[in-house]
Amino acid sequence: MSKAAKSILVFGIYLVVIGLGFLVVPNTPLALFGFPTTNEPWIRVVGLLLVLLAYYYVQAARSEMQPLFRWTVHTRPVVVVCFIVFVALGLAPPMLIVFGVVDLLGAVWTCLALRDSQA
């Protein structure tokens, strides 16, 4: 498995963990990260979407889908930008930015791994 694929696999596993938390016991991760708890179904919907997205990441890593790796480098940094805007507008607590930073760091890791493979 290439270094880029490993970065994608690790990110997929991260998505599985976060997604399952929101899907199965949503108030536990919400409280853990300082977000208000909820009985709304949307947090479970988000959890399901994260688990499904994780499946794509894991399968892409296993299949060495280099084009997808590059696409994620383009899109994952957008997450932190949007989360910063949400916080700045008062729509979300600052802790949300931490999740965006994880996306950004994952994108940087993948980008560097892709560069190493082309050197």
C-alpha atoms as a PDB file:
ATOM      1  CA  MET A   1       0.000   0.000   0.000  1.00  0.00           C
ATOM      2  CA  SER A   2       1.404   3.395  -0.974  1.00  0.00           C
ATOM      3  CA  LYS A   3       1.906   6.203   1.547  1.00  0.00           C
ATOM      4  CA  ALA A   4      -0.920   8.150  -0.065  1.00  0.00           C
ATOM      5  CA  ALA A   5      -3.232   5.138   0.214  1.00  0.00           C
ATOM      6  CA  LYS A   6      -2.308   4.777   3.903  1.00  0.00           C
ATOM      7  CA  SER A   7      -3.241   8.410   4.520  1.00  0.00           C
ATOM      8  CA  ILE A   8      -6.605   7.827   2.855  1.00  0.00           C
ATOM      9  CA  LEU A   9      -7.130   4.593   4.806  1.00  0.00           C
ATOM     10  CA  VAL A  10      -6.401   6.302   8.120  1.00  0.00           C
ATOM     11  CA  PHE A  11      -8.800   9.106   7.236  1.00  0.00           C
ATOM     12  CA  GLY A  12     -11.434   6.513   6.318  1.00  0.00           C
ATOM     13  CA  ILE A  13     -11.006   4.831   9.693  1.00  0.00           C
ATOM     14  CA  TYR A  14     -11.335   8.227  11.407  1.00  0.00           C
ATOM     15  CA  LEU A  15     -14.598   8.763   9.500  1.00  0.00           C
ATOM     16  CA  VAL A  16     -15.872   5.332  10.571  1.00  0.00           C
ATOM     17  CA  VAL A  17     -15.190   6.085  14.237  1.00  0.00           C
ATOM     18  CA  ILE A  18     -16.762   9.545  14.180  1.00  0.00           C
ATOM     19  CA  GLY A  19     -19.634   8.384  11.988  1.00  0.00           C
ATOM     20  CA  LEU A  20     -20.502   5.379  14.156  1.00  0.00           C
ATOM     21  CA  GLY A  21     -20.408   7.588  17.218  1.00  0.00           C
ATOM     22  CA  PHE A  22     -22.905  10.015  15.719  1.00  0.00           C
ATOM     23  CA  LEU A  23     -25.024   7.193  14.331  1.00  0.00           C
ATOM     24  CA  VAL A  24     -25.209   4.946  17.401  1.00  0.00           C
ATOM     25  CA  VAL A  25     -24.672   7.178  20.458  1.00  0.00           C
ATOM     26  CA  PRO A  26     -24.813  10.734  19.110  1.00  0.00           C
ATOM     27  CA  ASN A  27     -24.989  12.560  22.413  1.00  0.00           C
ATOM     28  CA  THR A  28     -21.787  10.954  23.695  1.00  0.00           C
ATOM     29  CA  PRO A  29     -19.463  12.476  21.072  1.00  0.00           C
ATOM     30  CA  LEU A  30     -21.467  15.696  21.075  1.00  0.00           C
ATOM     31  CA  ALA A  31     -21.009  16.133  24.832  1.00  0.00           C
ATOM     32  CA  LEU A  32     -17.387  14.960  24.653  1.00  0.00           C
ATOM     33  CA  PHE A  33     -16.564  17.750  22.195  1.00  0.00           C
ATOM     34  CA  GLY A  34     -18.635  20.394  23.978  1.00  0.00           C
ATOM     35  CA  PHE A  35     -21.581  20.529  21.602  1.00  0.00           C
ATOM     36  CA  PRO A  36     -25.167  20.646  22.861  1.00  0.00           C
ATOM     37  CA  THR A  37     -26.857  17.253  22.970  1.00  0.00           C
ATOM     38  CA  THR A  38     -29.885  16.659  20.781  1.00  0.00           C
ATOM     39  CA  ASN A  39     -32.729  14.287  20.041  1.00  0.00           C
ATOM     40  CA  GLU A  40     -32.986  15.499  16.449  1.00  0.00           C
ATOM     41  CA  PRO A  41     -32.461  12.833  13.782  1.00  0.00           C
ATOM     42  CA  TRP A  42     -29.994  14.965  11.783  1.00  0.00           C
ATOM     43  CA  ILE A  43     -26.950  14.030  13.817  1.00  0.00           C
ATOM     44  CA  ARG A  44     -27.644  10.349  13.070  1.00  0.00           C
ATOM     45  CA  VAL A  45     -28.083  11.217   9.383  1.00  0.00           C
ATOM     46  CA  VAL A  46     -24.669  12.903   9.491  1.00  0.00           C
ATOM     47  CA  GLY A  47     -23.263   9.782  11.172  1.00  0.00           C
ATOM     48  CA  LEU A  48     -24.660   7.564   8.436  1.00  0.00           C
ATOM     49  CA  LEU A  49     -23.239   9.817   5.725  1.00  0.00           C
ATOM     50  CA  LEU A  50     -19.817   9.736   7.403  1.00  0.00           C
ATOM     51  CA  VAL A  51     -19.856   5.932   7.578  1.00  0.00           C
ATOM     52  CA  LEU A  52     -20.828   5.712   3.908  1.00  0.00           C
ATOM     53  CA  LEU A  53     -18.130   8.211   2.959  1.00  0.00           C
ATOM     54  CA  ALA A  54     -15.658   6.193   5.019  1.00  0.00           C
ATOM     55  CA  TYR A  55     -16.486   3.128   2.947  1.00  0.00           C
ATOM     56  CA  TYR A  56     -15.428   5.016  -0.191  1.00  0.00           C
ATOM     57  CA  TYR A  57     -12.196   6.158   1.442  1.00  0.00           C
ATOM     58  CA  VAL A  58     -11.277   2.672   2.646  1.00  0.00           C
ATOM     59  CA  GLN A  59     -12.086   1.047  -0.685  1.00  0.00           C
ATOM     60  CA  ALA A  60     -10.212   3.753  -2.597  1.00  0.00           C
ATOM     61  CA  ALA A  61      -7.167   3.179  -0.395  1.00  0.00           C
ATOM     62  CA  ARG A  62      -7.334  -0.580  -0.912  1.00  0.00           C
ATOM     63  CA  SER A  63      -7.625  -0.060  -4.682  1.00  0.00           C
ATOM     64  CA  GLU A  64      -4.871   2.578  -4.900  1.00  0.00           C
ATOM     65  CA  MET A  65      -7.242   5.026  -6.607  1.00  0.00           C
ATOM     66  CA  GLN A  66      -4.678   7.793  -7.089  1.00  0.00           C
ATOM     67  CA  PRO A  67      -7.080  10.185  -8.881  1.00  0.00           C
ATOM     68  CA  LEU A  68      -9.434  10.099  -5.900  1.00  0.00           C
ATOM     69  CA  PHE A  69      -6.506  10.748  -3.552  1.00  0.00           C
ATOM     70  CA  ARG A  70      -5.726  13.921  -5.526  1.00  0.00           C
ATOM     71  CA  TRP A  71      -9.377  14.987  -5.536  1.00  0.00           C
ATOM     72  CA  THR A  72      -9.514  14.753  -1.752  1.00  0.00           C
ATOM     73  CA  VAL A  73      -6.480  17.031  -1.531  1.00  0.00           C
ATOM     74  CA  HIS A  74      -8.528  19.628  -3.422  1.00  0.00           C
ATOM     75  CA  THR A  75     -11.719  19.275  -1.379  1.00  0.00           C
ATOM     76  CA  ARG A  76     -10.772  18.488   2.220  1.00  0.00           C
ATOM     77  CA  PRO A  77      -9.257  21.930   2.927  1.00  0.00           C
ATOM     78  CA  VAL A  78     -12.632  23.460   2.064  1.00  0.00           C
ATOM     79  CA  VAL A  79     -14.024  21.860   5.228  1.00  0.00           C
ATOM     80  CA  VAL A  80     -11.858  23.926   7.586  1.00  0.00           C
ATOM     81  CA  VAL A  81     -12.650  27.119   5.660  1.00  0.00           C
ATOM     82  CA  CYS A  82     -16.394  26.480   5.894  1.00  0.00           C
ATOM     83  CA  PHE A  83     -16.176  25.555   9.574  1.00  0.00           C
ATOM     84  CA  ILE A  84     -14.280  28.772  10.333  1.00  0.00           C
ATOM     85  CA  VAL A  85     -17.001  30.733   8.528  1.00  0.00           C
ATOM     86  CA  PHE A  86     -19.714  28.887  10.498  1.00  0.00           C
ATOM     87  CA  VAL A  87     -17.981  29.783  13.760  1.00  0.00           C
ATOM     88  CA  ALA A  88     -17.358  33.397  12.692  1.00  0.00           C
ATOM     89  CA  LEU A  89     -21.048  33.794  11.851  1.00  0.00           C
ATOM     90  CA  GLY A  90     -22.037  32.386  15.243  1.00  0.00           C
ATOM     91  CA  LEU A  91     -23.640  29.312  13.686  1.00  0.00           C
ATOM     92  CA  ALA A  92     -21.389  26.803  15.462  1.00  0.00           C
ATOM     93  CA  PRO A  93     -19.135  26.580  18.512  1.00  0.00           C
ATOM     94  CA  PRO A  94     -15.373  27.033  17.982  1.00  0.00           C
ATOM     95  CA  MET A  95     -14.724  23.324  18.666  1.00  0.00           C
ATOM     96  CA  LEU A  96     -16.068  22.628  15.174  1.00  0.00           C
ATOM     97  CA  ILE A  97     -12.863  24.058  13.744  1.00  0.00           C
ATOM     98  CA  VAL A  98     -10.941  21.126  15.273  1.00  0.00           C
ATOM     99  CA  PHE A  99     -12.798  18.741  12.960  1.00  0.00           C
ATOM    100  CA  GLY A 100     -11.884  20.945  10.014  1.00  0.00           C
ATOM    101  CA  VAL A 101      -8.245  20.964  11.071  1.00  0.00           C
ATOM    102  CA  VAL A 102      -8.275  17.148  11.046  1.00  0.00           C
ATOM    103  CA  ASP A 103      -9.503  17.282   7.438  1.00  0.00           C
ATOM    104  CA  LEU A 104      -6.836  19.820   6.541  1.00  0.00           C
ATOM    105  CA  LEU A 105      -4.029  17.813   8.153  1.00  0.00           C
ATOM    106  CA  GLY A 106      -5.234  14.684   6.381  1.00  0.00           C
ATOM    107  CA  ALA A 107      -5.197  16.527   3.065  1.00  0.00           C
ATOM    108  CA  VAL A 108      -1.669  17.784   3.704  1.00  0.00           C
ATOM    109  CA  TRP A 109      -0.532  14.253   4.574  1.00  0.00           C
ATOM    110  CA  THR A 110      -2.072  12.877   1.383  1.00  0.00           C
ATOM    111  CA  CYS A 111      -0.602  15.696  -0.705  1.00  0.00           C
ATOM    112  CA  LEU A 112       2.900  15.122   0.650  1.00  0.00           C
ATOM    113  CA  ALA A 113       2.584  11.366   0.150  1.00  0.00           C
ATOM    114  CA  LEU A 114       1.473  11.897  -3.454  1.00  0.00           C
ATOM    115  CA  ARG A 115       4.452  14.177  -4.082  1.00  0.00           C
ATOM    116  CA  ASP A 116       6.834  11.577  -2.617  1.00  0.00           C
ATOM    117  CA  SER A 117       5.441   8.917  -4.916  1.00  0.00           C
ATOM    118  CA  GLN A 118       6.069  11.092  -7.981  1.00  0.00           C
ATOM    119  CA  ALA A 119       9.608  12.087  -7.008  1.00  0.00           C
END
